Structures are given as C-alpha cells and as structure tokens.
Amino acid sequence: MTYHRPRDDIKLLQAWALVLCRASRDALDQGFYHEALDMAEKSRNAREEAYGPDHALTLESALHSIRAQRSLGDFNGAERRFYDLHIRCKKVLGQEHSLCYKLIEDLAIMHIFKNNLETAETLLSKVQLGRKVTCESLADRIDAIGTEANLAIIHRELGLASAENEFEQVLKDCEHQLGSDHPETLVVQVELATTYLQQERYEEAEGLFGQVYKSCARVLRPNHPLTVSCKANLATTYAYRNKWREAEVLCREVLDIRTRTLCPKHPDILDCRESLDTISSVLKQQQRRKVRRRKPRV
C-alpha cells in the first residue's frame, strides 16, 4: 500500500494519507513500531504536499511519527521533536487545540521516563483541566481517562497513598464507559497490579497480573505490547515470591519477543536481560547448594 502513492490527484492523495495515518496508529498500538514509523512519515509527507506543513492533519501525522520513534527507544530524539511540534501546534492551532493537549501529555510522559515527576505532574494537571472543558466525544473521554491514569502513576511513584484509590476510580470509569475488555481498561488494571507490587502485596499483585495477562492474550494477542508487559510484570512478581523457575520461563519468553521487535539497546530489552541474569544467578546458587548437600562425606 505504501508504494502506491497517488499522483496528480490531490483528493486521492489526501485519502491515501488518511489511510496511512490510521494504519500507523493501529500499528503503533499493536507494537509494530518500525512499520508505524514508516507509514506515519509517508502520511506526513503526503499531507504536507496536500494541505501544507502547518495543517492540523499534517501535524497529526507528525505526532504519530514521533510516538513511534519513542516506542523504538529513541527517547532523546523523540523528546526534541515533541517539544518542537508542541511549539508549532500552539502557534498555528492555538493552545486549546486537542493536538496541543496530546503533545503536552507526551512531553509529561517523557518527564516520567526521566523521573522528573513534579514537572510531569504540572503538565498533566494542565491537560486534565483543559480536557474537562473540551471532553465531548468518546475519543476525548478515552484521552481524559489516560490523563487520570498517568497522574495516578506519578502519585504512585511519588509514594502518595492516594494513588491506589485513584487507580480504582479510573478503573471504574473505564469499565463503565469502555467495558471490561477495552485496552485502556486493561492498562489501568496493569497499573493497579503494579501498585500492589510496589506495596509488597505480592499475592494480590500476582493474582491481578495473572488475570490481566489472560485477558490481554484473549482480547489482544500473545505478542501484543500490553500482553508482553503484563507477562514481564508477572515474572517480576514470581521472583519476589521466590518462584524462580516460573519467573525464568516467563522472562525468557519476554526477552525473546522483545528481541524480535525492539532494537538491541532498547531499555525494555536491557531491563529484561538484567532481570534474567539475576534470576539465573539465583537458580545457579540454589543448584550448587543442592549439589553440596548431596555430596557424601568422606
């Protein structure tokens, strides 16, 4: 599809760019990051020709391109592009435009990655306030729920006791407005289970991670990013509960999937390798202790 760019027909070019933009967004959601980046860039180039560089649709395609770049692990490059695109959107569309709110939230997420939690909280609070005014469509409500969840993540990382209640409230909103099997609902369940894990409530965390993992594998697919993330968290929970063999099996599966879909230096791969090394080291120590116990005395 991407090799059949329409020529000499502006309406066909606009339609082609729209299809590519939507396909890029879906590919990003499904974890096909290289394909998402390629389609987003082709959509952006086509829209720039069809509408101009400062049109909202051109800027939308640019946003998908940067998100794919971030997902591939280029955090520094993505952050610079998010910042530049936000300035551009604010100038040509106005600071109340929905695309500006999306970009502010993306910048906040970059600050979360860098552990600049107070800055991220300030940005997200601004987005939250603005979206309460403009929240009309289903897409707007999904965006608003995502903002609430990201704020709860920040509060959890800051060690605030309110985070658990915030996640529970967001989960209720998700189930009511989107349904129990909606991807956004599953994301919030993963974050709630992560909260249990950080509170050292390992049994509850294991139960919820296991439940969400089954739902993700059924509703999405086994190799979907959310399914893989849930499997990785479940492996971590097994390790905390000294279920080292179970943890090793899941960790190897996660590493295999991520190695096939991400670049070698992606943080998720590096974290997974480190976890697997730790688990393998513990298992080797256990095996050596067993051998020593079995060795007959002379």
C-alpha atoms as a PDB file:
ATOM      1  CA  MET A   1       0.000   0.000   0.000  1.00  0.00           C
ATOM      2  CA  THR A   2       2.754   2.476   0.904  1.00  0.00           C
ATOM      3  CA  TYR A   3       4.380   2.028  -2.520  1.00  0.00           C
ATOM      4  CA  HIS A   4       1.283   3.120  -4.462  1.00  0.00           C
ATOM      5  CA  ARG A   5       1.306   6.840  -3.732  1.00  0.00           C
ATOM      6  CA  PRO A   6      -1.328   8.589  -5.883  1.00  0.00           C
ATOM      7  CA  ARG A   7      -0.035  11.067  -8.438  1.00  0.00           C
ATOM      8  CA  ASP A   8      -1.719  14.106  -9.981  1.00  0.00           C
ATOM      9  CA  ASP A   9      -4.912  13.697  -7.929  1.00  0.00           C
ATOM     10  CA  ILE A  10      -4.999  15.706  -4.713  1.00  0.00           C
ATOM     11  CA  LYS A  11      -8.156  14.062  -3.355  1.00  0.00           C
ATOM     12  CA  LEU A  12      -6.725  10.581  -3.807  1.00  0.00           C
ATOM     13  CA  LEU A  13      -3.514  11.733  -2.138  1.00  0.00           C
ATOM     14  CA  GLN A  14      -5.495  13.058   0.835  1.00  0.00           C
ATOM     15  CA  ALA A  15      -7.418   9.782   1.145  1.00  0.00           C
ATOM     16  CA  TRP A  16      -4.195   7.758   0.859  1.00  0.00           C
ATOM     17  CA  ALA A  17      -2.579   9.825   3.600  1.00  0.00           C
ATOM     18  CA  LEU A  18      -5.614   9.344   5.859  1.00  0.00           C
ATOM     19  CA  VAL A  19      -5.481   5.560   5.472  1.00  0.00           C
ATOM     20  CA  LEU A  20      -1.750   5.558   6.199  1.00  0.00           C
ATOM     21  CA  CYS A  21      -2.191   7.727   9.281  1.00  0.00           C
ATOM     22  CA  ARG A  22      -4.837   5.411  10.727  1.00  0.00           C
ATOM     23  CA  ALA A  23      -2.796   2.337   9.835  1.00  0.00           C
ATOM     24  CA  SER A  24       0.227   3.894  11.545  1.00  0.00           C
ATOM     25  CA  ARG A  25      -1.767   4.499  14.722  1.00  0.00           C
ATOM     26  CA  ASP A  26      -3.062   0.924  14.719  1.00  0.00           C
ATOM     27  CA  ALA A  27       0.417  -0.488  14.043  1.00  0.00           C
ATOM     28  CA  LEU A  28       1.762   1.532  16.963  1.00  0.00           C
ATOM     29  CA  ASP A  29      -0.963   0.187  19.262  1.00  0.00           C
ATOM     30  CA  GLN A  30      -0.151  -3.363  18.135  1.00  0.00           C
ATOM     31  CA  GLY A  31       3.591  -2.984  18.695  1.00  0.00           C
ATOM     32  CA  PHE A  32       4.717  -2.865  15.049  1.00  0.00           C
ATOM     33  CA  TYR A  33       6.868   0.182  15.665  1.00  0.00           C
ATOM     34  CA  HIS A  34       9.052   0.187  12.539  1.00  0.00           C
ATOM     35  CA  GLU A  35       6.005  -0.145  10.298  1.00  0.00           C
ATOM     36  CA  ALA A  36       4.215   2.556  12.287  1.00  0.00           C
ATOM     37  CA  LEU A  37       7.114   4.964  11.833  1.00  0.00           C
ATOM     38  CA  ASP A  38       7.344   4.275   8.103  1.00  0.00           C
ATOM     39  CA  MET A  39       3.622   4.804   7.498  1.00  0.00           C
ATOM     40  CA  ALA A  40       3.449   7.895   9.698  1.00  0.00           C
ATOM     41  CA  GLU A  41       6.320   9.521   7.807  1.00  0.00           C
ATOM     42  CA  LYS A  42       4.750   8.736   4.426  1.00  0.00           C
ATOM     43  CA  SER A  43       1.428  10.104   5.669  1.00  0.00           C
ATOM     44  CA  ARG A  44       3.109  13.263   6.953  1.00  0.00           C
ATOM     45  CA  ASN A  45       4.909  13.866   3.668  1.00  0.00           C
ATOM     46  CA  ALA A  46       1.731  13.335   1.656  1.00  0.00           C
ATOM     47  CA  ARG A  47      -0.313  15.609   3.897  1.00  0.00           C
ATOM     48  CA  GLU A  48       2.339  18.296   3.755  1.00  0.00           C
ATOM     49  CA  GLU A  49       2.008  18.236  -0.026  1.00  0.00           C
ATOM     50  CA  ALA A  50      -1.793  18.073   0.038  1.00  0.00           C
ATOM     51  CA  TYR A  51      -2.572  20.504   2.869  1.00  0.00           C
ATOM     52  CA  GLY A  52       0.618  22.359   3.744  1.00  0.00           C
ATOM     53  CA  PRO A  53       3.141  21.962   6.589  1.00  0.00           C
ATOM     54  CA  ASP A  54       1.040  23.709   9.253  1.00  0.00           C
ATOM     55  CA  HIS A  55      -2.302  21.977   8.685  1.00  0.00           C
ATOM     56  CA  ALA A  56      -3.714  20.064  11.677  1.00  0.00           C
ATOM     57  CA  LEU A  57      -3.729  16.795   9.717  1.00  0.00           C
ATOM     58  CA  THR A  58      -0.071  17.169   8.759  1.00  0.00           C
ATOM     59  CA  LEU A  59       0.800  17.832  12.392  1.00  0.00           C
ATOM     60  CA  GLU A  60      -1.268  14.811  13.472  1.00  0.00           C
ATOM     61  CA  SER A  61       0.797  12.528  11.232  1.00  0.00           C
ATOM     62  CA  ALA A  62       3.963  14.063  12.681  1.00  0.00           C
ATOM     63  CA  LEU A  63       2.709  13.202  16.182  1.00  0.00           C
ATOM     64  CA  HIS A  64       2.281   9.526  15.250  1.00  0.00           C
ATOM     65  CA  SER A  65       5.778   9.521  13.762  1.00  0.00           C
ATOM     66  CA  ILE A  66       7.323  10.839  16.993  1.00  0.00           C
ATOM     67  CA  ARG A  67       5.389   8.359  19.133  1.00  0.00           C
ATOM     68  CA  ALA A  68       6.726   5.502  17.009  1.00  0.00           C
ATOM     69  CA  GLN A  69      10.232   6.927  17.383  1.00  0.00           C
ATOM     70  CA  ARG A  70       9.791   6.969  21.165  1.00  0.00           C
ATOM     71  CA  SER A  71       8.479   3.402  21.196  1.00  0.00           C
ATOM     72  CA  LEU A  72      11.589   2.290  19.305  1.00  0.00           C
ATOM     73  CA  GLY A  73      13.695   3.635  22.173  1.00  0.00           C
ATOM     74  CA  ASP A  74      14.962   6.947  20.759  1.00  0.00           C
ATOM     75  CA  PHE A  75      13.827   8.952  23.781  1.00  0.00           C
ATOM     76  CA  ASN A  76      16.144  11.937  23.302  1.00  0.00           C
ATOM     77  CA  GLY A  77      15.271  12.400  19.648  1.00  0.00           C
ATOM     78  CA  ALA A  78      11.568  11.963  20.351  1.00  0.00           C
ATOM     79  CA  GLU A  79      11.615  14.472  23.196  1.00  0.00           C
ATOM     80  CA  ARG A  80      13.178  17.158  20.999  1.00  0.00           C
ATOM     81  CA  ARG A  81      10.617  16.550  18.268  1.00  0.00           C
ATOM     82  CA  PHE A  82       7.710  16.576  20.755  1.00  0.00           C
ATOM     83  CA  TYR A  83       8.902  19.921  22.080  1.00  0.00           C
ATOM     84  CA  ASP A  84       9.325  21.462  18.608  1.00  0.00           C
ATOM     85  CA  LEU A  85       5.966  20.133  17.412  1.00  0.00           C
ATOM     86  CA  HIS A  86       4.199  21.475  20.505  1.00  0.00           C
ATOM     87  CA  ILE A  87       5.571  24.975  19.887  1.00  0.00           C
ATOM     88  CA  ARG A  88       4.462  24.758  16.267  1.00  0.00           C
ATOM     89  CA  CYS A  89       0.973  23.477  17.124  1.00  0.00           C
ATOM     90  CA  LYS A  90       0.452  26.145  19.763  1.00  0.00           C
ATOM     91  CA  LYS A  91       1.431  28.810  17.245  1.00  0.00           C
ATOM     92  CA  VAL A  92      -0.723  27.679  14.316  1.00  0.00           C
ATOM     93  CA  LEU A  93      -3.637  25.896  16.065  1.00  0.00           C
ATOM     94  CA  GLY A  94      -3.883  27.604  19.457  1.00  0.00           C
ATOM     95  CA  GLN A  95      -3.014  26.240  22.884  1.00  0.00           C
ATOM     96  CA  GLU A  96      -6.558  24.916  23.471  1.00  0.00           C
ATOM     97  CA  HIS A  97      -6.463  22.623  20.434  1.00  0.00           C
ATOM     98  CA  SER A  98      -6.754  18.916  21.256  1.00  0.00           C
ATOM     99  CA  LEU A  99      -3.472  18.190  19.475  1.00  0.00           C
ATOM    100  CA  CYS A 100      -1.686  20.595  21.824  1.00  0.00           C
ATOM    101  CA  TYR A 101      -3.073  18.714  24.827  1.00  0.00           C
ATOM    102  CA  LYS A 102      -1.860  15.420  23.343  1.00  0.00           C
ATOM    103  CA  LEU A 103       1.621  16.866  22.906  1.00  0.00           C
ATOM    104  CA  ILE A 104       1.743  18.278  26.431  1.00  0.00           C
ATOM    105  CA  GLU A 105       0.826  14.824  27.731  1.00  0.00           C
ATOM    106  CA  ASP A 106       3.515  13.218  25.581  1.00  0.00           C
ATOM    107  CA  LEU A 107       6.058  15.664  27.000  1.00  0.00           C
ATOM    108  CA  ALA A 108       4.838  14.780  30.502  1.00  0.00           C
ATOM    109  CA  ILE A 109       5.373  11.088  29.741  1.00  0.00           C
ATOM    110  CA  MET A 110       8.949  11.876  28.688  1.00  0.00           C
ATOM    111  CA  HIS A 111       9.463  13.587  32.058  1.00  0.00           C
ATOM    112  CA  ILE A 112       8.083  10.485  33.814  1.00  0.00           C
ATOM    113  CA  PHE A 113      10.682   8.375  31.969  1.00  0.00           C
ATOM    114  CA  LYS A 114      13.378  10.766  33.246  1.00  0.00           C
ATOM    115  CA  ASN A 115      11.902  10.713  36.781  1.00  0.00           C
ATOM    116  CA  ASN A 116      11.090  14.441  36.650  1.00  0.00           C
ATOM    117  CA  LEU A 117       7.820  13.677  38.394  1.00  0.00           C
ATOM    118  CA  GLU A 118       6.918  17.150  39.665  1.00  0.00           C
ATOM    119  CA  THR A 119       7.328  18.642  36.178  1.00  0.00           C
ATOM    120  CA  ALA A 120       5.260  15.828  34.696  1.00  0.00           C
ATOM    121  CA  GLU A 121       2.535  16.370  37.295  1.00  0.00           C
ATOM    122  CA  THR A 122       2.352  20.091  36.493  1.00  0.00           C
ATOM    123  CA  LEU A 123       1.979  19.388  32.771  1.00  0.00           C
ATOM    124  CA  LEU A 124      -0.646  16.684  33.265  1.00  0.00           C
ATOM    125  CA  SER A 125      -2.676  18.845  35.642  1.00  0.00           C
ATOM    126  CA  LYS A 126      -2.823  21.454  32.889  1.00  0.00           C
ATOM    127  CA  VAL A 127      -4.017  18.829  30.409  1.00  0.00           C
ATOM    128  CA  GLN A 128      -6.565  17.482  32.895  1.00  0.00           C
ATOM    129  CA  LEU A 129      -8.057  20.931  33.425  1.00  0.00           C
ATOM    130  CA  GLY A 130      -8.245  21.652  29.705  1.00  0.00           C
ATOM    131  CA  ARG A 131      -9.827  18.323  28.829  1.00  0.00           C
ATOM    132  CA  LYS A 132     -12.582  18.765  31.398  1.00  0.00           C
ATOM    133  CA  VAL A 133     -13.722  21.727  29.306  1.00  0.00           C
ATOM    134  CA  THR A 134     -13.434  20.077  25.873  1.00  0.00           C
ATOM    135  CA  CYS A 135     -14.348  16.442  26.700  1.00  0.00           C
ATOM    136  CA  GLU A 136     -17.246  15.602  24.344  1.00  0.00           C
ATOM    137  CA  SER A 137     -16.559  12.628  22.068  1.00  0.00           C
ATOM    138  CA  LEU A 138     -15.636   9.062  23.040  1.00  0.00           C
ATOM    139  CA  ALA A 139     -12.079   9.732  21.881  1.00  0.00           C
ATOM    140  CA  ASP A 140     -11.961  12.753  24.198  1.00  0.00           C
ATOM    141  CA  ARG A 141     -13.171  10.634  27.120  1.00  0.00           C
ATOM    142  CA  ILE A 142     -10.541   7.970  26.410  1.00  0.00           C
ATOM    143  CA  ASP A 143      -7.866  10.669  26.360  1.00  0.00           C
ATOM    144  CA  ALA A 144      -9.182  12.082  29.649  1.00  0.00           C
ATOM    145  CA  ILE A 145      -9.080   8.634  31.268  1.00  0.00           C
ATOM    146  CA  GLY A 146      -5.499   8.220  30.073  1.00  0.00           C
ATOM    147  CA  THR A 147      -4.559  11.518  31.693  1.00  0.00           C
ATOM    148  CA  GLU A 148      -6.121  10.452  35.000  1.00  0.00           C
ATOM    149  CA  ALA A 149      -4.190   7.172  34.859  1.00  0.00           C
ATOM    150  CA  ASN A 150      -0.903   8.955  34.140  1.00  0.00           C
ATOM    151  CA  LEU A 151      -1.470  11.279  37.093  1.00  0.00           C
ATOM    152  CA  ALA A 152      -2.073   8.244  39.306  1.00  0.00           C
ATOM    153  CA  ILE A 153       1.214   6.751  38.055  1.00  0.00           C
ATOM    154  CA  ILE A 154       3.048   9.919  39.089  1.00  0.00           C
ATOM    155  CA  HIS A 155       1.401   9.902  42.515  1.00  0.00           C
ATOM    156  CA  ARG A 156       2.366   6.245  42.965  1.00  0.00           C
ATOM    157  CA  GLU A 157       5.984   6.963  42.052  1.00  0.00           C
ATOM    158  CA  LEU A 158       5.964   9.889  44.478  1.00  0.00           C
ATOM    159  CA  GLY A 159       4.859   7.456  47.192  1.00  0.00           C
ATOM    160  CA  LEU A 160       1.447   9.035  47.747  1.00  0.00           C
ATOM    161  CA  ALA A 161      -1.117   6.788  49.449  1.00  0.00           C
ATOM    162  CA  SER A 162      -3.872   8.255  47.258  1.00  0.00           C
ATOM    163  CA  ALA A 163      -2.548   6.505  44.129  1.00  0.00           C
ATOM    164  CA  GLU A 164      -4.351   3.207  44.772  1.00  0.00           C
ATOM    165  CA  ASN A 165      -7.715   4.927  45.197  1.00  0.00           C
ATOM    166  CA  GLU A 166      -7.059   6.963  42.056  1.00  0.00           C
ATOM    167  CA  PHE A 167      -6.396   3.825  40.020  1.00  0.00           C
ATOM    168  CA  GLU A 168      -9.515   2.166  41.415  1.00  0.00           C
ATOM    169  CA  GLN A 169     -11.624   5.181  40.424  1.00  0.00           C
ATOM    170  CA  VAL A 170     -10.114   5.314  36.938  1.00  0.00           C
ATOM    171  CA  LEU A 171     -10.754   1.577  36.586  1.00  0.00           C
ATOM    172  CA  LYS A 172     -14.424   2.070  37.488  1.00  0.00           C
ATOM    173  CA  ASP A 173     -14.690   4.828  34.882  1.00  0.00           C
ATOM    174  CA  CYS A 174     -13.061   2.602  32.270  1.00  0.00           C
ATOM    175  CA  GLU A 175     -15.332  -0.346  32.949  1.00  0.00           C
ATOM    176  CA  HIS A 176     -18.407   1.898  32.916  1.00  0.00           C
ATOM    177  CA  GLN A 177     -17.587   3.901  29.789  1.00  0.00           C
ATOM    178  CA  LEU A 178     -15.446   1.496  27.755  1.00  0.00           C
ATOM    179  CA  GLY A 179     -16.113  -2.022  29.043  1.00  0.00           C
ATOM    180  CA  SER A 180     -14.008  -4.538  30.946  1.00  0.00           C
ATOM    181  CA  ASP A 181     -12.118  -5.788  27.864  1.00  0.00           C
ATOM    182  CA  HIS A 182     -11.165  -2.398  26.408  1.00  0.00           C
ATOM    183  CA  PRO A 183      -7.365  -1.965  26.094  1.00  0.00           C
ATOM    184  CA  GLU A 184      -7.476   1.182  28.234  1.00  0.00           C
ATOM    185  CA  THR A 185      -9.236  -0.785  30.987  1.00  0.00           C
ATOM    186  CA  LEU A 186      -6.568  -3.484  30.807  1.00  0.00           C
ATOM    187  CA  VAL A 187      -3.806  -0.854  31.013  1.00  0.00           C
ATOM    188  CA  VAL A 188      -5.292   0.550  34.212  1.00  0.00           C
ATOM    189  CA  GLN A 189      -5.569  -2.948  35.694  1.00  0.00           C
ATOM    190  CA  VAL A 190      -1.863  -3.486  34.987  1.00  0.00           C
ATOM    191  CA  GLU A 191      -1.041  -0.219  36.751  1.00  0.00           C
ATOM    192  CA  LEU A 192      -3.184  -1.178  39.744  1.00  0.00           C
ATOM    193  CA  ALA A 193      -1.384  -4.526  39.964  1.00  0.00           C
ATOM    194  CA  THR A 194       1.931  -2.661  39.738  1.00  0.00           C
ATOM    195  CA  THR A 195       0.789  -0.556  42.681  1.00  0.00           C
ATOM    196  CA  TYR A 196       0.170  -3.737  44.688  1.00  0.00           C
ATOM    197  CA  LEU A 197       3.650  -4.933  43.716  1.00  0.00           C
ATOM    198  CA  GLN A 198       5.298  -1.738  44.928  1.00  0.00           C
ATOM    199  CA  GLN A 199       3.333  -2.015  48.177  1.00  0.00           C
ATOM    200  CA  GLU A 200       4.787  -5.536  48.600  1.00  0.00           C
ATOM    201  CA  ARG A 201       1.327  -7.071  48.359  1.00  0.00           C
ATOM    202  CA  TYR A 202       2.767  -9.822  46.204  1.00  0.00           C
ATOM    203  CA  GLU A 203      -0.090 -12.307  46.362  1.00  0.00           C
ATOM    204  CA  GLU A 204      -2.624  -9.692  45.247  1.00  0.00           C
ATOM    205  CA  ALA A 205      -0.255  -8.468  42.539  1.00  0.00           C
ATOM    206  CA  GLU A 206       0.263 -11.995  41.219  1.00  0.00           C
ATOM    207  CA  GLY A 207      -3.470 -12.635  41.123  1.00  0.00           C
ATOM    208  CA  LEU A 208      -4.284  -9.439  39.241  1.00  0.00           C
ATOM    209  CA  PHE A 209      -1.339  -9.712  36.841  1.00  0.00           C
ATOM    210  CA  GLY A 210      -2.345 -13.285  36.060  1.00  0.00           C
ATOM    211  CA  GLN A 211      -5.943 -12.247  35.431  1.00  0.00           C
ATOM    212  CA  VAL A 212      -4.988  -9.334  33.184  1.00  0.00           C
ATOM    213  CA  TYR A 213      -2.440 -11.437  31.302  1.00  0.00           C
ATOM    214  CA  LYS A 214      -5.128 -13.953  30.363  1.00  0.00           C
ATOM    215  CA  SER A 215      -7.461 -11.135  29.296  1.00  0.00           C
ATOM    216  CA  CYS A 216      -4.757  -9.480  27.191  1.00  0.00           C
ATOM    217  CA  ALA A 217      -3.828 -12.743  25.472  1.00  0.00           C
ATOM    218  CA  ARG A 218      -7.511 -13.362  24.693  1.00  0.00           C
ATOM    219  CA  VAL A 219      -8.619  -9.854  23.705  1.00  0.00           C
ATOM    220  CA  LEU A 220      -5.431  -8.597  22.066  1.00  0.00           C
ATOM    221  CA  ARG A 221      -2.810 -11.230  21.130  1.00  0.00           C
ATOM    222  CA  PRO A 222       0.028 -13.096  22.861  1.00  0.00           C
ATOM    223  CA  ASN A 223       2.716 -10.799  21.406  1.00  0.00           C
ATOM    224  CA  HIS A 224       0.845  -7.525  21.932  1.00  0.00           C
ATOM    225  CA  PRO A 225       2.968  -4.979  23.875  1.00  0.00           C
ATOM    226  CA  LEU A 226       0.484  -4.893  26.757  1.00  0.00           C
ATOM    227  CA  THR A 227       0.400  -8.697  26.966  1.00  0.00           C
ATOM    228  CA  VAL A 228       4.197  -8.827  26.970  1.00  0.00           C
ATOM    229  CA  SER A 229       4.424  -6.061  29.576  1.00  0.00           C
ATOM    230  CA  CYS A 230       1.969  -7.920  31.793  1.00  0.00           C
ATOM    231  CA  LYS A 231       3.972 -11.131  31.386  1.00  0.00           C
ATOM    232  CA  ALA A 232       7.154  -9.271  32.378  1.00  0.00           C
ATOM    233  CA  ASN A 233       5.473  -7.887  35.488  1.00  0.00           C
ATOM    234  CA  LEU A 234       4.166 -11.339  36.368  1.00  0.00           C
ATOM    235  CA  ALA A 235       7.726 -12.692  36.093  1.00  0.00           C
ATOM    236  CA  THR A 236       8.903  -9.979  38.480  1.00  0.00           C
ATOM    237  CA  THR A 237       6.147 -10.889  40.926  1.00  0.00           C
ATOM    238  CA  TYR A 238       7.122 -14.574  40.769  1.00  0.00           C
ATOM    239  CA  ALA A 239      10.696 -13.571  41.608  1.00  0.00           C
ATOM    240  CA  TYR A 240       9.563 -11.596  44.646  1.00  0.00           C
ATOM    241  CA  ARG A 241       7.643 -14.675  45.781  1.00  0.00           C
ATOM    242  CA  ASN A 242      10.705 -16.897  45.253  1.00  0.00           C
ATOM    243  CA  LYS A 243       9.068 -18.725  42.349  1.00  0.00           C
ATOM    244  CA  TRP A 244      12.314 -18.580  40.425  1.00  0.00           C
ATOM    245  CA  ARG A 245      11.643 -21.309  37.850  1.00  0.00           C
ATOM    246  CA  GLU A 246       8.322 -19.759  36.842  1.00  0.00           C
ATOM    247  CA  ALA A 247       9.970 -16.342  36.696  1.00  0.00           C
ATOM    248  CA  GLU A 248      12.767 -17.637  34.464  1.00  0.00           C
ATOM    249  CA  VAL A 249      10.359 -19.199  31.962  1.00  0.00           C
ATOM    250  CA  LEU A 250       8.330 -16.005  31.579  1.00  0.00           C
ATOM    251  CA  CYS A 251      11.393 -13.772  31.496  1.00  0.00           C
ATOM    252  CA  ARG A 252      12.932 -15.787  28.656  1.00  0.00           C
ATOM    253  CA  GLU A 253       9.679 -15.593  26.699  1.00  0.00           C
ATOM    254  CA  VAL A 254       9.522 -11.825  27.190  1.00  0.00           C
ATOM    255  CA  LEU A 255      13.144 -11.377  26.128  1.00  0.00           C
ATOM    256  CA  ASP A 256      12.594 -13.492  23.012  1.00  0.00           C
ATOM    257  CA  ILE A 257       9.606 -11.389  21.932  1.00  0.00           C
ATOM    258  CA  ARG A 258      11.255  -8.062  22.678  1.00  0.00           C
ATOM    259  CA  THR A 259      14.466  -9.056  20.910  1.00  0.00           C
ATOM    260  CA  ARG A 260      12.448  -9.693  17.758  1.00  0.00           C
ATOM    261  CA  THR A 261      10.501  -6.417  17.911  1.00  0.00           C
ATOM    262  CA  LEU A 262      12.809  -3.820  19.508  1.00  0.00           C
ATOM    263  CA  CYS A 263      16.323  -2.540  18.878  1.00  0.00           C
ATOM    264  CA  PRO A 264      19.097  -4.243  20.914  1.00  0.00           C
ATOM    265  CA  LYS A 265      19.714  -1.225  23.170  1.00  0.00           C
ATOM    266  CA  HIS A 266      16.057  -0.539  23.944  1.00  0.00           C
ATOM    267  CA  PRO A 267      15.591  -0.003  27.725  1.00  0.00           C
ATOM    268  CA  ASP A 268      12.973  -2.766  27.908  1.00  0.00           C
ATOM    269  CA  ILE A 269      15.456  -5.281  26.489  1.00  0.00           C
ATOM    270  CA  LEU A 270      18.244  -4.136  28.801  1.00  0.00           C
ATOM    271  CA  ASP A 271      15.940  -4.365  31.835  1.00  0.00           C
ATOM    272  CA  CYS A 272      14.766  -7.825  30.787  1.00  0.00           C
ATOM    273  CA  ARG A 273      18.340  -9.089  30.336  1.00  0.00           C
ATOM    274  CA  GLU A 274      19.278  -7.758  33.762  1.00  0.00           C
ATOM    275  CA  SER A 275      16.269  -9.460  35.356  1.00  0.00           C
ATOM    276  CA  LEU A 276      17.051 -12.740  33.614  1.00  0.00           C
ATOM    277  CA  ASP A 277      20.686 -12.572  34.749  1.00  0.00           C
ATOM    278  CA  THR A 278      19.535 -12.078  38.347  1.00  0.00           C
ATOM    279  CA  ILE A 279      17.048 -14.945  38.169  1.00  0.00           C
ATOM    280  CA  SER A 280      19.595 -17.276  36.536  1.00  0.00           C
ATOM    281  CA  SER A 281      22.163 -16.402  39.207  1.00  0.00           C
ATOM    282  CA  VAL A 282      19.736 -17.298  41.995  1.00  0.00           C
ATOM    283  CA  LEU A 283      18.858 -20.600  40.317  1.00  0.00           C
ATOM    284  CA  LYS A 284      22.547 -21.488  39.907  1.00  0.00           C
ATOM    285  CA  GLN A 285      23.175 -20.755  43.580  1.00  0.00           C
ATOM    286  CA  GLN A 286      20.251 -22.973  44.540  1.00  0.00           C
ATOM    287  CA  GLN A 287      21.579 -25.760  42.324  1.00  0.00           C
ATOM    288  CA  ARG A 288      25.068 -25.509  43.854  1.00  0.00           C
ATOM    289  CA  ARG A 289      23.586 -25.747  47.351  1.00  0.00           C
ATOM    290  CA  LYS A 290      21.692 -28.883  46.332  1.00  0.00           C
ATOM    291  CA  VAL A 291      24.879 -30.457  44.956  1.00  0.00           C
ATOM    292  CA  ARG A 292      26.775 -29.705  48.168  1.00  0.00           C
ATOM    293  CA  ARG A 293      24.018 -31.271  50.259  1.00  0.00           C
ATOM    294  CA  ARG A 294      24.103 -34.427  48.136  1.00  0.00           C
ATOM    295  CA  LYS A 295      27.901 -34.798  48.254  1.00  0.00           C
ATOM    296  CA  PRO A 296      28.789 -37.693  50.606  1.00  0.00           C
ATOM    297  CA  ARG A 297      31.137 -37.061  53.454  1.00  0.00           C
ATOM    298  CA  VAL A 298      34.487 -38.862  53.364  1.00  0.00           C
END
